[in-house]
């Protein structure tokens, strides 16, 4: 039995009704759905940015709390560092979820573009991937931020723990 490619499966699911069977508004409806789907991909990107801002704010707050706890509650000074570290693990999971969701959306967009007279997202992807000024994907770069905060939280926690043991 021959293997079915992912592209063929997407096409079968995405276009279950032929243009002839659908009727005269097929092309207009495809375009409207495409525009709506591209807008939903942009919404996902905005939500990802809001999530990143949230985690950045929380982690900055936890690093500030470390100094507060060190002064007032030395026995618990390590607690904000541990909680901050756990938030960073969650942040990494959120970044991965958005990366996967957006990747799937753009695969579908590229399939739809195969049915349209122009394919700007597909062309942009080719230029980014093969152009002379290749760059890292935003999700690759943003994945480093929680790791940097993890290192800061671990360092703060270890220093506070060593400080409390020496007192």
C-alpha atoms as a PDB file:
ATOM      1  CA  UNK A   1       0.000   0.000   0.000  1.00  0.00           C
ATOM      2  CA  UNK A   2       1.548   3.368  -0.983  1.00  0.00           C
ATOM      3  CA  UNK A   3       2.203   5.906   1.756  1.00  0.00           C
ATOM      4  CA  UNK A   4       0.046   9.022   1.902  1.00  0.00           C
ATOM      5  CA  UNK A   5       1.965  12.241   2.463  1.00  0.00           C
ATOM      6  CA  UNK A   6       1.001  14.736   5.146  1.00  0.00           C
ATOM      7  CA  UNK A   7       0.339  17.270   2.368  1.00  0.00           C
ATOM      8  CA  UNK A   8      -2.232  14.927   0.776  1.00  0.00           C
ATOM      9  CA  UNK A   9      -3.931  14.350   4.143  1.00  0.00           C
ATOM     10  CA  UNK A  10      -4.133  18.100   4.789  1.00  0.00           C
ATOM     11  CA  UNK A  11      -5.608  18.591   1.328  1.00  0.00           C
ATOM     12  CA  UNK A  12      -8.214  15.868   1.833  1.00  0.00           C
ATOM     13  CA  UNK A  13      -9.285  17.295   5.181  1.00  0.00           C
ATOM     14  CA  UNK A  14      -9.086  20.940   4.128  1.00  0.00           C
ATOM     15  CA  UNK A  15     -10.936  20.575   0.817  1.00  0.00           C
ATOM     16  CA  UNK A  16     -13.564  17.887   1.353  1.00  0.00           C
ATOM     17  CA  UNK A  17     -15.842  19.363  -1.324  1.00  0.00           C
ATOM     18  CA  UNK A  18     -14.749  19.991  -4.905  1.00  0.00           C
ATOM     19  CA  UNK A  19     -15.195  23.381  -6.533  1.00  0.00           C
ATOM     20  CA  UNK A  20     -17.668  21.897  -9.047  1.00  0.00           C
ATOM     21  CA  UNK A  21     -19.817  20.399  -6.295  1.00  0.00           C
ATOM     22  CA  UNK A  22     -19.613  23.484  -4.036  1.00  0.00           C
ATOM     23  CA  UNK A  23     -20.884  26.004  -6.513  1.00  0.00           C
ATOM     24  CA  UNK A  24     -20.205  29.459  -7.907  1.00  0.00           C
ATOM     25  CA  UNK A  25     -19.059  31.087  -4.654  1.00  0.00           C
ATOM     26  CA  UNK A  26     -16.226  28.564  -4.119  1.00  0.00           C
ATOM     27  CA  UNK A  27     -13.323  30.905  -4.991  1.00  0.00           C
ATOM     28  CA  UNK A  28     -14.741  33.843  -3.016  1.00  0.00           C
ATOM     29  CA  UNK A  29     -15.414  31.624  -0.012  1.00  0.00           C
ATOM     30  CA  UNK A  30     -11.902  30.116  -0.184  1.00  0.00           C
ATOM     31  CA  UNK A  31     -10.434  33.627  -0.180  1.00  0.00           C
ATOM     32  CA  UNK A  32     -12.608  34.706   2.759  1.00  0.00           C
ATOM     33  CA  UNK A  33     -11.641  31.606   4.744  1.00  0.00           C
ATOM     34  CA  UNK A  34      -7.962  32.156   3.879  1.00  0.00           C
ATOM     35  CA  UNK A  35      -8.115  35.757   5.118  1.00  0.00           C
ATOM     36  CA  UNK A  36      -9.817  34.645   8.322  1.00  0.00           C
ATOM     37  CA  UNK A  37      -7.281  31.875   8.862  1.00  0.00           C
ATOM     38  CA  UNK A  38      -4.307  34.217   8.338  1.00  0.00           C
ATOM     39  CA  UNK A  39      -5.896  36.609  10.845  1.00  0.00           C
ATOM     40  CA  UNK A  40      -6.191  33.742  13.345  1.00  0.00           C
ATOM     41  CA  UNK A  41      -2.472  32.997  12.908  1.00  0.00           C
ATOM     42  CA  UNK A  42      -1.694  36.641  13.621  1.00  0.00           C
ATOM     43  CA  UNK A  43      -3.920  36.471  16.720  1.00  0.00           C
ATOM     44  CA  UNK A  44      -1.961  33.465  17.961  1.00  0.00           C
ATOM     45  CA  UNK A  45       1.269  35.446  17.525  1.00  0.00           C
ATOM     46  CA  UNK A  46      -0.175  38.353  19.521  1.00  0.00           C
ATOM     47  CA  UNK A  47      -1.312  35.976  22.281  1.00  0.00           C
ATOM     48  CA  UNK A  48       2.191  34.478  22.351  1.00  0.00           C
ATOM     49  CA  UNK A  49       3.656  37.960  22.830  1.00  0.00           C
ATOM     50  CA  UNK A  50       1.224  38.682  25.682  1.00  0.00           C
ATOM     51  CA  UNK A  51       2.149  35.371  27.323  1.00  0.00           C
ATOM     52  CA  UNK A  52       5.847  36.214  27.015  1.00  0.00           C
ATOM     53  CA  UNK A  53       5.255  39.640  28.572  1.00  0.00           C
ATOM     54  CA  UNK A  54       3.368  37.999  31.442  1.00  0.00           C
ATOM     55  CA  UNK A  55       6.156  35.512  32.174  1.00  0.00           C
ATOM     56  CA  UNK A  56       8.826  38.191  31.822  1.00  0.00           C
ATOM     57  CA  UNK A  57       6.995  40.382  34.351  1.00  0.00           C
ATOM     58  CA  UNK A  58       6.456  37.494  36.773  1.00  0.00           C
ATOM     59  CA  UNK A  59      10.086  36.399  36.592  1.00  0.00           C
ATOM     60  CA  UNK A  60      11.343  39.934  37.117  1.00  0.00           C
ATOM     61  CA  UNK A  61       9.052  40.147  40.141  1.00  0.00           C
ATOM     62  CA  UNK A  62      10.391  36.890  41.555  1.00  0.00           C
ATOM     63  CA  UNK A  63      13.962  38.094  41.183  1.00  0.00           C
ATOM     64  CA  UNK A  64      12.987  41.268  43.037  1.00  0.00           C
ATOM     65  CA  UNK A  65      11.262  39.193  45.723  1.00  0.00           C
ATOM     66  CA  UNK A  66      14.485  37.285  46.335  1.00  0.00           C
ATOM     67  CA  UNK A  67      16.088  40.422  47.784  1.00  0.00           C
ATOM     68  CA  UNK A  68      12.947  41.202  49.819  1.00  0.00           C
ATOM     69  CA  UNK A  69      12.886  37.707  51.300  1.00  0.00           C
ATOM     70  CA  UNK A  70      16.634  37.825  51.932  1.00  0.00           C
ATOM     71  CA  UNK A  71      16.178  40.879  54.126  1.00  0.00           C
ATOM     72  CA  UNK A  72      12.950  40.008  55.931  1.00  0.00           C
ATOM     73  CA  UNK A  73      12.549  36.227  55.779  1.00  0.00           C
ATOM     74  CA  UNK A  74      15.989  34.706  55.415  1.00  0.00           C
ATOM     75  CA  UNK A  75      14.754  31.165  56.096  1.00  0.00           C
ATOM     76  CA  UNK A  76      12.453  31.435  53.051  1.00  0.00           C
ATOM     77  CA  UNK A  77      14.800  33.436  50.822  1.00  0.00           C
ATOM     78  CA  UNK A  78      15.195  30.483  48.419  1.00  0.00           C
ATOM     79  CA  UNK A  79      11.415  30.182  47.856  1.00  0.00           C
ATOM     80  CA  UNK A  80      10.995  32.903  45.175  1.00  0.00           C
ATOM     81  CA  UNK A  81      13.947  31.425  43.271  1.00  0.00           C
ATOM     82  CA  UNK A  82      12.339  27.965  43.237  1.00  0.00           C
ATOM     83  CA  UNK A  83       8.924  29.323  42.240  1.00  0.00           C
ATOM     84  CA  UNK A  84      10.563  31.481  39.555  1.00  0.00           C
ATOM     85  CA  UNK A  85      12.363  28.416  38.201  1.00  0.00           C
ATOM     86  CA  UNK A  86       9.066  26.519  38.019  1.00  0.00           C
ATOM     87  CA  UNK A  87       7.431  29.445  36.215  1.00  0.00           C
ATOM     88  CA  UNK A  88      10.280  29.287  33.686  1.00  0.00           C
ATOM     89  CA  UNK A  89       9.553  25.609  33.039  1.00  0.00           C
ATOM     90  CA  UNK A  90       5.916  26.527  32.444  1.00  0.00           C
ATOM     91  CA  UNK A  91       7.024  29.389  30.180  1.00  0.00           C
ATOM     92  CA  UNK A  92       9.061  26.977  28.075  1.00  0.00           C
ATOM     93  CA  UNK A  93       5.995  24.753  27.709  1.00  0.00           C
ATOM     94  CA  UNK A  94       3.880  27.718  26.588  1.00  0.00           C
ATOM     95  CA  UNK A  95       6.511  28.737  24.024  1.00  0.00           C
ATOM     96  CA  UNK A  96       6.603  25.165  22.688  1.00  0.00           C
ATOM     97  CA  UNK A  97       2.788  25.028  22.480  1.00  0.00           C
ATOM     98  CA  UNK A  98       2.625  28.299  20.541  1.00  0.00           C
ATOM     99  CA  UNK A  99       5.482  27.200  18.264  1.00  0.00           C
ATOM    100  CA  UNK A 100       3.641  23.964  17.446  1.00  0.00           C
ATOM    101  CA  UNK A 101       0.287  25.705  16.941  1.00  0.00           C
ATOM    102  CA  UNK A 102       1.731  28.414  14.697  1.00  0.00           C
ATOM    103  CA  UNK A 103       3.749  25.846  12.744  1.00  0.00           C
ATOM    104  CA  UNK A 104       0.571  23.889  12.035  1.00  0.00           C
ATOM    105  CA  UNK A 105      -1.308  27.026  11.056  1.00  0.00           C
ATOM    106  CA  UNK A 106       1.383  28.073   8.605  1.00  0.00           C
ATOM    107  CA  UNK A 107       1.456  24.603   7.030  1.00  0.00           C
ATOM    108  CA  UNK A 108      -2.284  24.921   6.391  1.00  0.00           C
ATOM    109  CA  UNK A 109      -1.812  28.483   5.086  1.00  0.00           C
ATOM    110  CA  UNK A 110       0.847  27.213   2.694  1.00  0.00           C
ATOM    111  CA  UNK A 111      -1.491  24.486   1.473  1.00  0.00           C
ATOM    112  CA  UNK A 112      -4.269  27.023   0.868  1.00  0.00           C
ATOM    113  CA  UNK A 113      -1.797  29.252  -0.959  1.00  0.00           C
ATOM    114  CA  UNK A 114      -1.209  26.346  -3.332  1.00  0.00           C
ATOM    115  CA  UNK A 115      -4.797  26.901  -4.474  1.00  0.00           C
ATOM    116  CA  UNK A 116      -4.451  30.691  -4.859  1.00  0.00           C
ATOM    117  CA  UNK A 117      -2.800  32.815  -7.565  1.00  0.00           C
ATOM    118  CA  UNK A 118      -0.193  34.134  -5.068  1.00  0.00           C
ATOM    119  CA  UNK A 119       1.587  32.448  -2.169  1.00  0.00           C
ATOM    120  CA  UNK A 120       3.205  35.216  -0.082  1.00  0.00           C
ATOM    121  CA  UNK A 121       3.694  33.245   3.151  1.00  0.00           C
ATOM    122  CA  UNK A 122       5.196  30.302   1.277  1.00  0.00           C
ATOM    123  CA  UNK A 123       7.521  32.644  -0.652  1.00  0.00           C
ATOM    124  CA  UNK A 124       8.513  34.448   2.562  1.00  0.00           C
ATOM    125  CA  UNK A 125       9.341  31.129   4.209  1.00  0.00           C
ATOM    126  CA  UNK A 126      11.553  30.132   1.267  1.00  0.00           C
ATOM    127  CA  UNK A 127      13.373  33.484   1.352  1.00  0.00           C
ATOM    128  CA  UNK A 128      13.906  33.272   5.115  1.00  0.00           C
ATOM    129  CA  UNK A 129      15.107  29.710   4.952  1.00  0.00           C
ATOM    130  CA  UNK A 130      17.381  30.032   1.903  1.00  0.00           C
ATOM    131  CA  UNK A 131      18.217  33.720   1.665  1.00  0.00           C
ATOM    132  CA  UNK A 132      21.705  35.141   2.103  1.00  0.00           C
ATOM    133  CA  UNK A 133      20.718  36.714   5.440  1.00  0.00           C
ATOM    134  CA  UNK A 134      19.354  33.648   7.179  1.00  0.00           C
ATOM    135  CA  UNK A 135      18.094  34.333  10.649  1.00  0.00           C
ATOM    136  CA  UNK A 136      16.902  32.283  13.557  1.00  0.00           C
ATOM    137  CA  UNK A 137      13.198  31.798  14.014  1.00  0.00           C
ATOM    138  CA  UNK A 138      11.689  34.017  16.694  1.00  0.00           C
ATOM    139  CA  UNK A 139      10.560  30.989  18.696  1.00  0.00           C
ATOM    140  CA  UNK A 140      14.155  29.732  18.789  1.00  0.00           C
ATOM    141  CA  UNK A 141      15.415  33.049  20.130  1.00  0.00           C
ATOM    142  CA  UNK A 142      12.548  33.485  22.602  1.00  0.00           C
ATOM    143  CA  UNK A 143      13.193  30.003  24.011  1.00  0.00           C
ATOM    144  CA  UNK A 144      16.521  31.271  25.385  1.00  0.00           C
ATOM    145  CA  UNK A 145      14.846  33.861  27.633  1.00  0.00           C
ATOM    146  CA  UNK A 146      13.319  31.368  30.125  1.00  0.00           C
ATOM    147  CA  UNK A 147      16.650  29.529  30.219  1.00  0.00           C
ATOM    148  CA  UNK A 148      18.445  32.757  31.125  1.00  0.00           C
ATOM    149  CA  UNK A 149      15.919  33.375  33.898  1.00  0.00           C
ATOM    150  CA  UNK A 150      16.308  29.766  35.091  1.00  0.00           C
ATOM    151  CA  UNK A 151      20.046  30.334  35.454  1.00  0.00           C
ATOM    152  CA  UNK A 152      19.379  33.570  37.353  1.00  0.00           C
ATOM    153  CA  UNK A 153      16.873  31.850  39.671  1.00  0.00           C
ATOM    154  CA  UNK A 154      19.200  28.911  40.355  1.00  0.00           C
ATOM    155  CA  UNK A 155      22.131  31.248  40.982  1.00  0.00           C
ATOM    156  CA  UNK A 156      20.054  33.421  43.338  1.00  0.00           C
ATOM    157  CA  UNK A 157      18.704  30.357  45.155  1.00  0.00           C
ATOM    158  CA  UNK A 158      22.141  28.797  45.604  1.00  0.00           C
ATOM    159  CA  UNK A 159      23.682  32.070  46.805  1.00  0.00           C
ATOM    160  CA  UNK A 160      20.849  32.618  49.259  1.00  0.00           C
ATOM    161  CA  UNK A 161      21.063  29.063  50.515  1.00  0.00           C
ATOM    162  CA  UNK A 162      24.840  29.341  50.988  1.00  0.00           C
ATOM    163  CA  UNK A 163      24.350  32.677  52.725  1.00  0.00           C
ATOM    164  CA  UNK A 164      21.768  31.243  55.130  1.00  0.00           C
ATOM    165  CA  UNK A 165      23.998  28.223  55.886  1.00  0.00           C
ATOM    166  CA  UNK A 166      26.958  30.459  56.695  1.00  0.00           C
ATOM    167  CA  UNK A 167      24.894  32.530  59.196  1.00  0.00           C
END
